Amino acid sequence: MTTMPFKPNWTPTARKQYDDLKAAAELALAARKKEGRSKASEQEGLFKQVHKCVQNLVNNPRHPSLKTHEYNSLPHPWDKKQKVFEAYAQNNTPGAYRVFWCYGPGRDELTIIAIAAHA
């Protein structure tokens, strides 16, 4: 079965969380290059994992690495009867990051609701 890519939508909260992670990774990369270090920082690695999770999500929400499952602790942004899902950006890591999302609002769209560390 071939899955067609979805158009991503972002809640303002999710967009800010993603942009903050990206900014921290860019600052860490600049500092690492300035100091001549070759090993990527934790911030760079985290953003890379979150970015890859979002890419996989948009291309195939059922991608095995995402371990997507229903999540009941967040309300759906526009239809309380619809499901919200959790996808893994990290696994087997203390405070592992998750991406919370739902289908819609359009037929070929999905909305990223939040990006957060797992409690």
PDB file of N, CA and C in Angstrom:
ATOM      1  N   MET A   1       0.840  -1.182   0.000  1.00  0.00           N
ATOM      2  CA  MET A   1       0.000   0.000   0.000  1.00  0.00           C
ATOM      3  C   MET A   1       0.888   1.250   0.000  1.00  0.00           C
ATOM      4  N   THR A   2       0.652   2.133  -0.926  1.00  0.00           N
ATOM      5  CA  THR A   2       1.410   3.367  -1.027  1.00  0.00           C
ATOM      6  C   THR A   2       0.634   4.500  -0.370  1.00  0.00           C
ATOM      7  N   THR A   3       1.289   5.245   0.464  1.00  0.00           N
ATOM      8  CA  THR A   3       0.674   6.379   1.145  1.00  0.00           C
ATOM      9  C   THR A   3       1.118   7.665   0.469  1.00  0.00           C
ATOM     10  N   MET A   4       0.166   8.516   0.185  1.00  0.00           N
ATOM     11  CA  MET A   4       0.479   9.809  -0.419  1.00  0.00           C
ATOM     12  C   MET A   4       0.890  10.789   0.680  1.00  0.00           C
ATOM     13  N   PRO A   5       1.817  11.686   0.379  1.00  0.00           N
ATOM     14  CA  PRO A   5       2.225  12.666   1.388  1.00  0.00           C
ATOM     15  C   PRO A   5       1.074  13.586   1.799  1.00  0.00           C
ATOM     16  N   PHE A   6       1.126  14.008   3.040  1.00  0.00           N
ATOM     17  CA  PHE A   6       0.143  14.935   3.581  1.00  0.00           C
ATOM     18  C   PHE A   6       0.734  16.332   3.599  1.00  0.00           C
ATOM     19  N   LYS A   7      -0.140  17.316   3.505  1.00  0.00           N
ATOM     20  CA  LYS A   7       0.284  18.709   3.668  1.00  0.00           C
ATOM     21  C   LYS A   7       0.272  18.985   5.167  1.00  0.00           C
ATOM     22  N   PRO A   8       1.410  19.446   5.727  1.00  0.00           N
ATOM     23  CA  PRO A   8       1.425  19.708   7.168  1.00  0.00           C
ATOM     24  C   PRO A   8       0.850  21.080   7.521  1.00  0.00           C
ATOM     25  N   ASN A   9       0.100  21.098   8.599  1.00  0.00           N
ATOM     26  CA  ASN A   9      -0.361  22.329   9.225  1.00  0.00           C
ATOM     27  C   ASN A   9       0.229  22.333  10.628  1.00  0.00           C
ATOM     28  N   TRP A  10       0.405  23.507  11.183  1.00  0.00           N
ATOM     29  CA  TRP A  10       1.005  23.627  12.510  1.00  0.00           C
ATOM     30  C   TRP A  10       0.122  24.497  13.380  1.00  0.00           C
ATOM     31  N   THR A  11      -0.076  24.079  14.624  1.00  0.00           N
ATOM     32  CA  THR A  11      -0.694  24.996  15.577  1.00  0.00           C
ATOM     33  C   THR A  11       0.381  26.023  15.931  1.00  0.00           C
ATOM     34  N   PRO A  12       0.008  27.197  16.406  1.00  0.00           N
ATOM     35  CA  PRO A  12       1.033  28.178  16.805  1.00  0.00           C
ATOM     36  C   PRO A  12       1.988  27.611  17.861  1.00  0.00           C
ATOM     37  N   THR A  13       1.468  26.817  18.781  1.00  0.00           N
ATOM     38  CA  THR A  13       2.300  26.200  19.818  1.00  0.00           C
ATOM     39  C   THR A  13       3.343  25.282  19.205  1.00  0.00           C
ATOM     40  N   ALA A  14       2.911  24.396  18.311  1.00  0.00           N
ATOM     41  CA  ALA A  14       3.834  23.445  17.676  1.00  0.00           C
ATOM     42  C   ALA A  14       4.879  24.177  16.832  1.00  0.00           C
ATOM     43  N   ARG A  15       4.458  25.209  16.104  1.00  0.00           N
ATOM     44  CA  ARG A  15       5.398  25.964  15.265  1.00  0.00           C
ATOM     45  C   ARG A  15       6.471  26.606  16.134  1.00  0.00           C
ATOM     46  N   LYS A  16       6.066  27.183  17.266  1.00  0.00           N
ATOM     47  CA  LYS A  16       7.038  27.804  18.169  1.00  0.00           C
ATOM     48  C   LYS A  16       7.986  26.764  18.749  1.00  0.00           C
ATOM     49  N   GLN A  17       7.459  25.615  19.158  1.00  0.00           N
ATOM     50  CA  GLN A  17       8.304  24.558  19.713  1.00  0.00           C
ATOM     51  C   GLN A  17       9.322  24.079  18.677  1.00  0.00           C
ATOM     52  N   TYR A  18       8.875  23.868  17.453  1.00  0.00           N
ATOM     53  CA  TYR A  18       9.766  23.428  16.374  1.00  0.00           C
ATOM     54  C   TYR A  18      10.828  24.498  16.097  1.00  0.00           C
ATOM     55  N   ASP A  19      10.402  25.744  15.971  1.00  0.00           N
ATOM     56  CA  ASP A  19      11.333  26.836  15.687  1.00  0.00           C
ATOM     57  C   ASP A  19      12.340  27.026  16.821  1.00  0.00           C
ATOM     58  N   ASP A  20      11.907  26.866  18.071  1.00  0.00           N
ATOM     59  CA  ASP A  20      12.826  26.979  19.215  1.00  0.00           C
ATOM     60  C   ASP A  20      13.875  25.866  19.192  1.00  0.00           C
ATOM     61  N   LEU A  21      13.445  24.641  18.876  1.00  0.00           N
ATOM     62  CA  LEU A  21      14.393  23.523  18.769  1.00  0.00           C
ATOM     63  C   LEU A  21      15.392  23.773  17.632  1.00  0.00           C
ATOM     64  N   LYS A  22      14.891  24.288  16.525  1.00  0.00           N
ATOM     65  CA  LYS A  22      15.756  24.583  15.374  1.00  0.00           C
ATOM     66  C   LYS A  22      16.762  25.677  15.715  1.00  0.00           C
ATOM     67  N   ALA A  23      16.313  26.733  16.375  1.00  0.00           N
ATOM     68  CA  ALA A  23      17.197  27.844  16.753  1.00  0.00           C
ATOM     69  C   ALA A  23      18.290  27.359  17.714  1.00  0.00           C
ATOM     70  N   ALA A  24      17.929  26.528  18.684  1.00  0.00           N
ATOM     71  CA  ALA A  24      18.919  25.996  19.627  1.00  0.00           C
ATOM     72  C   ALA A  24      19.944  25.134  18.902  1.00  0.00           C
ATOM     73  N   ALA A  25      19.485  24.351  17.929  1.00  0.00           N
ATOM     74  CA  ALA A  25      20.401  23.508  17.151  1.00  0.00           C
ATOM     75  C   ALA A  25      21.344  24.368  16.304  1.00  0.00           C
ATOM     76  N   GLU A  26      20.818  25.420  15.713  1.00  0.00           N
ATOM     77  CA  GLU A  26      21.651  26.307  14.890  1.00  0.00           C
ATOM     78  C   GLU A  26      22.704  27.031  15.735  1.00  0.00           C
ATOM     79  N   LEU A  27      22.320  27.468  16.938  1.00  0.00           N
ATOM     80  CA  LEU A  27      23.282  28.111  17.842  1.00  0.00           C
ATOM     81  C   LEU A  27      24.372  27.127  18.262  1.00  0.00           C
ATOM     82  N   ALA A  28      23.969  25.918  18.574  1.00  0.00           N
ATOM     83  CA  ALA A  28      24.935  24.893  18.980  1.00  0.00           C
ATOM     84  C   ALA A  28      25.880  24.550  17.829  1.00  0.00           C
ATOM     85  N   LEU A  29      25.344  24.485  16.620  1.00  0.00           N
ATOM     86  CA  LEU A  29      26.180  24.206  15.447  1.00  0.00           C
ATOM     87  C   LEU A  29      27.197  25.318  15.228  1.00  0.00           C
ATOM     88  N   ALA A  30      26.753  26.564  15.339  1.00  0.00           N
ATOM     89  CA  ALA A  30      27.665  27.698  15.154  1.00  0.00           C
ATOM     90  C   ALA A  30      28.769  27.680  16.208  1.00  0.00           C
ATOM     91  N   ALA A  31      28.419  27.405  17.464  1.00  0.00           N
ATOM     92  CA  ALA A  31      29.414  27.346  18.538  1.00  0.00           C
ATOM     93  C   ALA A  31      30.384  26.190  18.304  1.00  0.00           C
ATOM     94  N   ARG A  32      29.866  25.061  17.859  1.00  0.00           N
ATOM     95  CA  ARG A  32      30.708  23.894  17.606  1.00  0.00           C
ATOM     96  C   ARG A  32      31.708  24.180  16.480  1.00  0.00           C
ATOM     97  N   LYS A  33      31.243  24.823  15.421  1.00  0.00           N
ATOM     98  CA  LYS A  33      32.139  25.148  14.300  1.00  0.00           C
ATOM     99  C   LYS A  33      33.194  26.174  14.731  1.00  0.00           C
ATOM    100  N   LYS A  34      32.765  27.157  15.517  1.00  0.00           N
ATOM    101  CA  LYS A  34      33.689  28.187  15.984  1.00  0.00           C
ATOM    102  C   LYS A  34      34.796  27.571  16.841  1.00  0.00           C
ATOM    103  N   GLU A  35      34.437  26.576  17.657  1.00  0.00           N
ATOM    104  CA  GLU A  35      35.403  25.922  18.540  1.00  0.00           C
ATOM    105  C   GLU A  35      36.156  24.783  17.863  1.00  0.00           C
ATOM    106  N   GLY A  36      35.767  24.463  16.627  1.00  0.00           N
ATOM    107  CA  GLY A  36      36.454  23.419  15.881  1.00  0.00           C
ATOM    108  C   GLY A  36      36.135  21.997  16.335  1.00  0.00           C
ATOM    109  N   ARG A  37      34.996  21.834  17.020  1.00  0.00           N
ATOM    110  CA  ARG A  37      34.604  20.491  17.450  1.00  0.00           C
ATOM    111  C   ARG A  37      33.864  19.789  16.328  1.00  0.00           C
ATOM    112  N   SER A  38      34.034  18.467  16.254  1.00  0.00           N
ATOM    113  CA  SER A  38      33.372  17.720  15.188  1.00  0.00           C
ATOM    114  C   SER A  38      32.105  17.002  15.666  1.00  0.00           C
ATOM    115  N   LYS A  39      32.029  16.696  16.943  1.00  0.00           N
ATOM    116  CA  LYS A  39      30.884  15.939  17.458  1.00  0.00           C
ATOM    117  C   LYS A  39      29.668  16.851  17.622  1.00  0.00           C
ATOM    118  N   ALA A  40      28.545  16.409  17.073  1.00  0.00           N
ATOM    119  CA  ALA A  40      27.307  17.183  17.164  1.00  0.00           C
ATOM    120  C   ALA A  40      26.832  17.278  18.618  1.00  0.00           C
ATOM    121  N   SER A  41      26.198  18.390  18.926  1.00  0.00           N
ATOM    122  CA  SER A  41      25.690  18.617  20.276  1.00  0.00           C
ATOM    123  C   SER A  41      24.356  17.906  20.475  1.00  0.00           C
ATOM    124  N   GLU A  42      23.934  17.862  21.729  1.00  0.00           N
ATOM    125  CA  GLU A  42      22.638  17.265  22.058  1.00  0.00           C
ATOM    126  C   GLU A  42      21.505  18.017  21.356  1.00  0.00           C
ATOM    127  N   GLN A  43      21.600  19.349  21.310  1.00  0.00           N
ATOM    128  CA  GLN A  43      20.556  20.150  20.653  1.00  0.00           C
ATOM    129  C   GLN A  43      20.476  19.846  19.160  1.00  0.00           C
ATOM    130  N   GLU A  44      21.636  19.673  18.520  1.00  0.00           N
ATOM    131  CA  GLU A  44      21.649  19.347  17.094  1.00  0.00           C
ATOM    132  C   GLU A  44      21.008  17.980  16.854  1.00  0.00           C
ATOM    133  N   GLY A  45      21.353  17.020  17.682  1.00  0.00           N
ATOM    134  CA  GLY A  45      20.808  15.677  17.542  1.00  0.00           C
ATOM    135  C   GLY A  45      19.308  15.644  17.773  1.00  0.00           C
ATOM    136  N   LEU A  46      18.849  16.369  18.785  1.00  0.00           N
ATOM    137  CA  LEU A  46      17.430  16.421  19.086  1.00  0.00           C
ATOM    138  C   LEU A  46      16.651  17.001  17.913  1.00  0.00           C
ATOM    139  N   PHE A  47      17.117  18.147  17.384  1.00  0.00           N
ATOM    140  CA  PHE A  47      16.393  18.749  16.273  1.00  0.00           C
ATOM    141  C   PHE A  47      16.381  17.824  15.058  1.00  0.00           C
ATOM    142  N   LYS A  48      17.500  17.171  14.793  1.00  0.00           N
ATOM    143  CA  LYS A  48      17.568  16.242  13.664  1.00  0.00           C
ATOM    144  C   LYS A  48      16.522  15.132  13.815  1.00  0.00           C
ATOM    145  N   GLN A  49      16.367  14.608  15.028  1.00  0.00           N
ATOM    146  CA  GLN A  49      15.393  13.543  15.278  1.00  0.00           C
ATOM    147  C   GLN A  49      13.950  14.054  15.142  1.00  0.00           C
ATOM    148  N   VAL A  50      13.686  15.237  15.674  1.00  0.00           N
ATOM    149  CA  VAL A  50      12.340  15.807  15.571  1.00  0.00           C
ATOM    150  C   VAL A  50      12.012  16.109  14.117  1.00  0.00           C
ATOM    151  N   HIS A  51      12.956  16.682  13.389  1.00  0.00           N
ATOM    152  CA  HIS A  51      12.745  17.000  11.973  1.00  0.00           C
ATOM    153  C   HIS A  51      12.456  15.728  11.169  1.00  0.00           C
ATOM    154  N   LYS A  52      13.224  14.688  11.425  1.00  0.00           N
ATOM    155  CA  LYS A  52      13.019  13.414  10.719  1.00  0.00           C
ATOM    156  C   LYS A  52      11.648  12.831  11.054  1.00  0.00           C
ATOM    157  N   CYS A  53      11.235  12.941  12.306  1.00  0.00           N
ATOM    158  CA  CYS A  53       9.920  12.464  12.719  1.00  0.00           C
ATOM    159  C   CYS A  53       8.828  13.194  11.942  1.00  0.00           C
ATOM    160  N   VAL A  54       8.941  14.507  11.833  1.00  0.00           N
ATOM    161  CA  VAL A  54       7.937  15.297  11.104  1.00  0.00           C
ATOM    162  C   VAL A  54       7.931  14.895   9.633  1.00  0.00           C
ATOM    163  N   GLN A  55       9.105  14.699   9.038  1.00  0.00           N
ATOM    164  CA  GLN A  55       9.169  14.272   7.635  1.00  0.00           C
ATOM    165  C   GLN A  55       8.498  12.919   7.446  1.00  0.00           C
ATOM    166  N   ASN A  56       8.809  11.968   8.314  1.00  0.00           N
ATOM    167  CA  ASN A  56       8.184  10.642   8.226  1.00  0.00           C
ATOM    168  C   ASN A  56       6.675  10.746   8.407  1.00  0.00           C
ATOM    169  N   LEU A  57       6.255  11.581   9.325  1.00  0.00           N
ATOM    170  CA  LEU A  57       4.840  11.760   9.608  1.00  0.00           C
ATOM    171  C   LEU A  57       4.093  12.277   8.383  1.00  0.00           C
ATOM    172  N   VAL A  58       4.641  13.270   7.735  1.00  0.00           N
ATOM    173  CA  VAL A  58       4.009  13.864   6.559  1.00  0.00           C
ATOM    174  C   VAL A  58       3.986  12.862   5.399  1.00  0.00           C
ATOM    175  N   ASN A  59       5.041  12.090   5.252  1.00  0.00           N
ATOM    176  CA  ASN A  59       5.115  11.130   4.150  1.00  0.00           C
ATOM    177  C   ASN A  59       4.338   9.851   4.408  1.00  0.00           C
ATOM    178  N   ASN A  60       4.278   9.406   5.667  1.00  0.00           N
ATOM    179  CA  ASN A  60       3.578   8.173   5.999  1.00  0.00           C
ATOM    180  C   ASN A  60       3.336   8.122   7.505  1.00  0.00           C
ATOM    181  N   PRO A  61       2.160   8.584   7.963  1.00  0.00           N
ATOM    182  CA  PRO A  61       1.879   8.596   9.405  1.00  0.00           C
ATOM    183  C   PRO A  61       1.943   7.213  10.054  1.00  0.00           C
ATOM    184  N   ARG A  62       1.937   6.166   9.256  1.00  0.00           N
ATOM    185  CA  ARG A  62       2.011   4.807   9.786  1.00  0.00           C
ATOM    186  C   ARG A  62       3.417   4.219   9.687  1.00  0.00           C
ATOM    187  N   HIS A  63       4.403   5.056   9.421  1.00  0.00           N
ATOM    188  CA  HIS A  63       5.790   4.584   9.328  1.00  0.00           C
ATOM    189  C   HIS A  63       6.143   3.867  10.629  1.00  0.00           C
ATOM    190  N   PRO A  64       6.720   2.666  10.541  1.00  0.00           N
ATOM    191  CA  PRO A  64       6.995   1.878  11.751  1.00  0.00           C
ATOM    192  C   PRO A  64       7.864   2.588  12.793  1.00  0.00           C
ATOM    193  N   SER A  65       8.807   3.403  12.366  1.00  0.00           N
ATOM    194  CA  SER A  65       9.695   4.062  13.331  1.00  0.00           C
ATOM    195  C   SER A  65       8.961   5.085  14.195  1.00  0.00           C
ATOM    196  N   LEU A  66       7.812   5.547  13.751  1.00  0.00           N
ATOM    197  CA  LEU A  66       7.056   6.550  14.506  1.00  0.00           C
ATOM    198  C   LEU A  66       6.307   5.954  15.695  1.00  0.00           C
ATOM    199  N   LYS A  67       6.029   4.668  15.623  1.00  0.00           N
ATOM    200  CA  LYS A  67       5.267   3.991  16.690  1.00  0.00           C
ATOM    201  C   LYS A  67       4.004   4.790  17.043  1.00  0.00           C
ATOM    202  N   THR A  68       3.323   5.259  16.001  1.00  0.00           N
ATOM    203  CA  THR A  68       2.139   6.098  16.165  1.00  0.00           C
ATOM    204  C   THR A  68       1.027   5.355  16.899  1.00  0.00           C
ATOM    205  N   HIS A  69       0.428   6.049  17.860  1.00  0.00           N
ATOM    206  CA  HIS A  69      -0.725   5.495  18.568  1.00  0.00           C
ATOM    207  C   HIS A  69      -1.603   6.637  19.072  1.00  0.00           C
ATOM    208  N   GLU A  70      -2.841   6.300  19.374  1.00  0.00           N
ATOM    209  CA  GLU A  70      -3.796   7.286  19.839  1.00  0.00           C
ATOM    210  C   GLU A  70      -3.339   7.859  21.184  1.00  0.00           C
ATOM    211  N   TYR A  71      -3.613   9.139  21.370  1.00  0.00           N
ATOM    212  CA  TYR A  71      -3.234   9.842  22.592  1.00  0.00           C
ATOM    213  C   TYR A  71      -4.467  10.585  23.094  1.00  0.00           C
ATOM    214  N   ASN A  72      -4.846  10.347  24.337  1.00  0.00           N
ATOM    215  CA  ASN A  72      -6.109  10.885  24.836  1.00  0.00           C
ATOM    216  C   ASN A  72      -5.988  12.115  25.726  1.00  0.00           C
ATOM    217  N   SER A  73      -4.787  12.571  26.035  1.00  0.00           N
ATOM    218  CA  SER A  73      -4.635  13.674  26.986  1.00  0.00           C
ATOM    219  C   SER A  73      -4.610  15.058  26.348  1.00  0.00           C
ATOM    220  N   LEU A  74      -4.696  15.125  25.036  1.00  0.00           N
ATOM    221  CA  LEU A  74      -4.761  16.414  24.343  1.00  0.00           C
ATOM    222  C   LEU A  74      -6.064  16.485  23.555  1.00  0.00           C
ATOM    223  N   PRO A  75      -6.732  17.631  23.591  1.00  0.00           N
ATOM    224  CA  PRO A  75      -7.964  17.755  22.802  1.00  0.00           C
ATOM    225  C   PRO A  75      -7.649  17.973  21.318  1.00  0.00           C
ATOM    226  N   HIS A  76      -8.510  17.466  20.474  1.00  0.00           N
ATOM    227  CA  HIS A  76      -8.401  17.703  19.036  1.00  0.00           C
ATOM    228  C   HIS A  76      -8.643  19.194  18.803  1.00  0.00           C
ATOM    229  N   PRO A  77      -7.874  19.840  17.924  1.00  0.00           N
ATOM    230  CA  PRO A  77      -7.978  21.304  17.768  1.00  0.00           C
ATOM    231  C   PRO A  77      -9.323  21.817  17.265  1.00  0.00           C
ATOM    232  N   TRP A  78     -10.061  21.041  16.485  1.00  0.00           N
ATOM    233  CA  TRP A  78     -11.310  21.583  15.962  1.00  0.00           C
ATOM    234  C   TRP A  78     -12.492  20.614  16.018  1.00  0.00           C
ATOM    235  N   ASP A  79     -12.285  19.353  16.333  1.00  0.00           N
ATOM    236  CA  ASP A  79     -13.399  18.409  16.428  1.00  0.00           C
ATOM    237  C   ASP A  79     -13.130  17.453  17.585  1.00  0.00           C
ATOM    238  N   LYS A  80     -13.785  17.696  18.703  1.00  0.00           N
ATOM    239  CA  LYS A  80     -13.525  16.926  19.931  1.00  0.00           C
ATOM    240  C   LYS A  80     -13.822  15.434  19.771  1.00  0.00           C
ATOM    241  N   LYS A  81     -14.543  15.046  18.718  1.00  0.00           N
ATOM    242  CA  LYS A  81     -14.872  13.639  18.485  1.00  0.00           C
ATOM    243  C   LYS A  81     -13.759  12.904  17.737  1.00  0.00           C
ATOM    244  N   GLN A  82     -12.832  13.646  17.160  1.00  0.00           N
ATOM    245  CA  GLN A  82     -11.751  13.042  16.380  1.00  0.00           C
ATOM    246  C   GLN A  82     -10.559  12.682  17.275  1.00  0.00           C
ATOM    247  N   LYS A  83      -9.686  11.832  16.756  1.00  0.00           N
ATOM    248  CA  LYS A  83      -8.546  11.331  17.523  1.00  0.00           C
ATOM    249  C   LYS A  83      -7.308  12.208  17.370  1.00  0.00           C
ATOM    250  N   VAL A  84      -6.531  12.242  18.433  1.00  0.00           N
ATOM    251  CA  VAL A  84      -5.198  12.850  18.433  1.00  0.00           C
ATOM    252  C   VAL A  84      -4.215  11.692  18.568  1.00  0.00           C
ATOM    253  N   PHE A  85      -3.072  11.808  17.891  1.00  0.00           N
ATOM    254  CA  PHE A  85      -2.078  10.749  17.899  1.00  0.00           C
ATOM    255  C   PHE A  85      -0.743  11.242  18.437  1.00  0.00           C
ATOM    256  N   GLU A  86       0.054  10.289  18.885  1.00  0.00           N
ATOM    257  CA  GLU A  86       1.408  10.550  19.373  1.00  0.00           C
ATOM    258  C   GLU A  86       2.371   9.776  18.490  1.00  0.00           C
ATOM    259  N   ALA A  87       3.441  10.437  18.053  1.00  0.00           N
ATOM    260  CA  ALA A  87       4.494   9.784  17.273  1.00  0.00           C
ATOM    261  C   ALA A  87       5.818   9.986  17.999  1.00  0.00           C
ATOM    262  N   TYR A  88       6.678   8.983  17.941  1.00  0.00           N
ATOM    263  CA  TYR A  88       7.955   9.038  18.641  1.00  0.00           C
ATOM    264  C   TYR A  88       9.015   9.731  17.787  1.00  0.00           C
ATOM    265  N   ALA A  89       9.585  10.810  18.318  1.00  0.00           N
ATOM    266  CA  ALA A  89      10.767  11.410  17.695  1.00  0.00           C
ATOM    267  C   ALA A  89      12.009  10.742  18.276  1.00  0.00           C
ATOM    268  N   GLN A  90      11.896  10.300  19.526  1.00  0.00           N
ATOM    269  CA  GLN A  90      12.973   9.581  20.218  1.00  0.00           C
ATOM    270  C   GLN A  90      12.351   8.415  20.967  1.00  0.00           C
ATOM    271  N   ASN A  91      13.180   7.438  21.283  1.00  0.00           N
ATOM    272  CA  ASN A  91      12.720   6.285  22.044  1.00  0.00           C
ATOM    273  C   ASN A  91      13.846   5.833  22.961  1.00  0.00           C
ATOM    274  N   ASN A  92      13.482   5.206  24.061  1.00  0.00           N
ATOM    275  CA  ASN A  92      14.476   4.697  25.012  1.00  0.00           C
ATOM    276  C   ASN A  92      15.455   5.773  25.473  1.00  0.00           C
ATOM    277  N   THR A  93      14.950   6.973  25.671  1.00  0.00           N
ATOM    278  CA  THR A  93      15.739   8.112  26.120  1.00  0.00           C
ATOM    279  C   THR A  93      14.956   8.803  27.237  1.00  0.00           C
ATOM    280  N   PRO A  94      15.588   9.117  28.360  1.00  0.00           N
ATOM    281  CA  PRO A  94      14.863   9.859  29.396  1.00  0.00           C
ATOM    282  C   PRO A  94      14.343  11.180  28.830  1.00  0.00           C
ATOM    283  N   GLY A  95      13.077  11.455  29.032  1.00  0.00           N
ATOM    284  CA  GLY A  95      12.490  12.685  28.505  1.00  0.00           C
ATOM    285  C   GLY A  95      12.398  12.691  26.988  1.00  0.00           C
ATOM    286  N   ALA A  96      12.207  11.517  26.402  1.00  0.00           N
ATOM    287  CA  ALA A  96      12.153  11.389  24.941  1.00  0.00           C
ATOM    288  C   ALA A  96      11.084  12.311  24.344  1.00  0.00           C
ATOM    289  N   TYR A  97      11.404  12.894  23.206  1.00  0.00           N
ATOM    290  CA  TYR A  97      10.488  13.820  22.558  1.00  0.00           C
ATOM    291  C   TYR A  97       9.433  13.082  21.746  1.00  0.00           C
ATOM    292  N   ARG A  98       8.233  13.659  21.763  1.00  0.00           N
ATOM    293  CA  ARG A  98       7.089  13.139  21.030  1.00  0.00           C
ATOM    294  C   ARG A  98       6.483  14.253  20.183  1.00  0.00           C
ATOM    295  N   VAL A  99       5.856  13.853  19.084  1.00  0.00           N
ATOM    296  CA  VAL A  99       5.131  14.794  18.233  1.00  0.00           C
ATOM    297  C   VAL A  99       3.660  14.389  18.298  1.00  0.00           C
ATOM    298  N   PHE A 100       2.817  15.327  18.688  1.00  0.00           N
ATOM    299  CA  PHE A 100       1.382  15.083  18.810  1.00  0.00           C
ATOM    300  C   PHE A 100       0.699  15.699  17.595  1.00  0.00           C
ATOM    301  N   TRP A 101      -0.196  14.939  16.988  1.00  0.00           N
ATOM    302  CA  TRP A 101      -0.776  15.368  15.720  1.00  0.00           C
ATOM    303  C   TRP A 101      -2.173  14.784  15.522  1.00  0.00           C
ATOM    304  N   CYS A 102      -2.843  15.286  14.486  1.00  0.00           N
ATOM    305  CA  CYS A 102      -4.161  14.768  14.116  1.00  0.00           C
ATOM    306  C   CYS A 102      -4.332  14.925  12.610  1.00  0.00           C
ATOM    307  N   TYR A 103      -5.279  14.210  12.067  1.00  0.00           N
ATOM    308  CA  TYR A 103      -5.616  14.365  10.648  1.00  0.00           C
ATOM    309  C   TYR A 103      -6.459  15.612  10.461  1.00  0.00           C
ATOM    310  N   GLY A 104      -6.291  16.259   9.295  1.00  0.00           N
ATOM    311  CA  GLY A 104      -7.128  17.392   8.932  1.00  0.00           C
ATOM    312  C   GLY A 104      -6.408  18.718   9.088  1.00  0.00           C
ATOM    313  N   PRO A 105      -7.048  19.823   8.817  1.00  0.00           N
ATOM    314  CA  PRO A 105      -8.480  19.924   8.605  1.00  0.00           C
ATOM    315  C   PRO A 105      -8.943  19.446   7.233  1.00  0.00           C
ATOM    316  N   GLY A 106      -8.085  19.514   6.217  1.00  0.00           N
ATOM    317  CA  GLY A 106      -8.475  19.046   4.893  1.00  0.00           C
ATOM    318  C   GLY A 106      -8.225  17.560   4.723  1.00  0.00           C
ATOM    319  N   ARG A 107      -8.692  17.024   3.641  1.00  0.00           N
ATOM    320  CA  ARG A 107      -8.609  15.589   3.374  1.00  0.00           C
ATOM    321  C   ARG A 107      -7.173  15.077   3.340  1.00  0.00           C
ATOM    322  N   ASP A 108      -6.283  15.792   2.702  1.00  0.00           N
ATOM    323  CA  ASP A 108      -4.892  15.354   2.565  1.00  0.00           C
ATOM    324  C   ASP A 108      -3.954  16.153   3.466  1.00  0.00           C
ATOM    325  N   GLU A 109      -4.453  16.552   4.618  1.00  0.00           N
ATOM    326  CA  GLU A 109      -3.677  17.365   5.541  1.00  0.00           C
ATOM    327  C   GLU A 109      -3.585  16.687   6.902  1.00  0.00           C
ATOM    328  N   LEU A 110      -2.539  17.030   7.619  1.00  0.00           N
ATOM    329  CA  LEU A 110      -2.455  16.670   9.027  1.00  0.00           C
ATOM    330  C   LEU A 110      -1.927  17.871   9.777  1.00  0.00           C
ATOM    331  N   THR A 111      -2.286  17.952  11.040  1.00  0.00           N
ATOM    332  CA  THR A 111      -1.912  19.091  11.870  1.00  0.00           C
ATOM    333  C   THR A 111      -1.015  18.637  13.001  1.00  0.00           C
ATOM    334  N   ILE A 112       0.122  19.274  13.124  1.00  0.00           N
ATOM    335  CA  ILE A 112       1.026  19.023  14.238  1.00  0.00           C
ATOM    336  C   ILE A 112       0.560  19.947  15.360  1.00  0.00           C
ATOM    337  N   ILE A 113       0.175  19.310  16.476  1.00  0.00           N
ATOM    338  CA  ILE A 113      -0.416  20.041  17.597  1.00  0.00           C
ATOM    339  C   ILE A 113       0.645  20.509  18.581  1.00  0.00           C
ATOM    340  N   ALA A 114       1.603  19.637  18.871  1.00  0.00           N
ATOM    341  CA  ALA A 114       2.634  19.975  19.863  1.00  0.00           C
ATOM    342  C   ALA A 114       3.842  19.064  19.685  1.00  0.00           C
ATOM    343  N   ILE A 115       4.989  19.554  20.148  1.00  0.00           N
ATOM    344  CA  ILE A 115       6.238  18.786  20.187  1.00  0.00           C
ATOM    345  C   ILE A 115       6.752  18.944  21.603  1.00  0.00           C
ATOM    346  N   ALA A 116       6.882  17.834  22.306  1.00  0.00           N
ATOM    347  CA  ALA A 116       7.246  17.953  23.727  1.00  0.00           C
ATOM    348  C   ALA A 116       7.996  16.721  24.217  1.00  0.00           C
ATOM    349  N   ALA A 117       8.720  16.922  25.315  1.00  0.00           N
ATOM    350  CA  ALA A 117       9.391  15.808  25.977  1.00  0.00           C
ATOM    351  C   ALA A 117       8.348  14.968  26.690  1.00  0.00           C
ATOM    352  N   HIS A 118       8.522  13.660  26.621  1.00  0.00           N
ATOM    353  CA  HIS A 118       7.602  12.735  27.278  1.00  0.00           C
ATOM    354  C   HIS A 118       7.789  12.831  28.782  1.00  0.00           C
ATOM    355  N   ALA A 119       6.704  12.930  29.495  1.00  0.00           N
ATOM    356  CA  ALA A 119       6.769  13.067  30.952  1.00  0.00           C
ATOM    357  C   ALA A 119       7.026  11.727  31.619  1.00  0.00           C
TER     358      ALA A 119
END
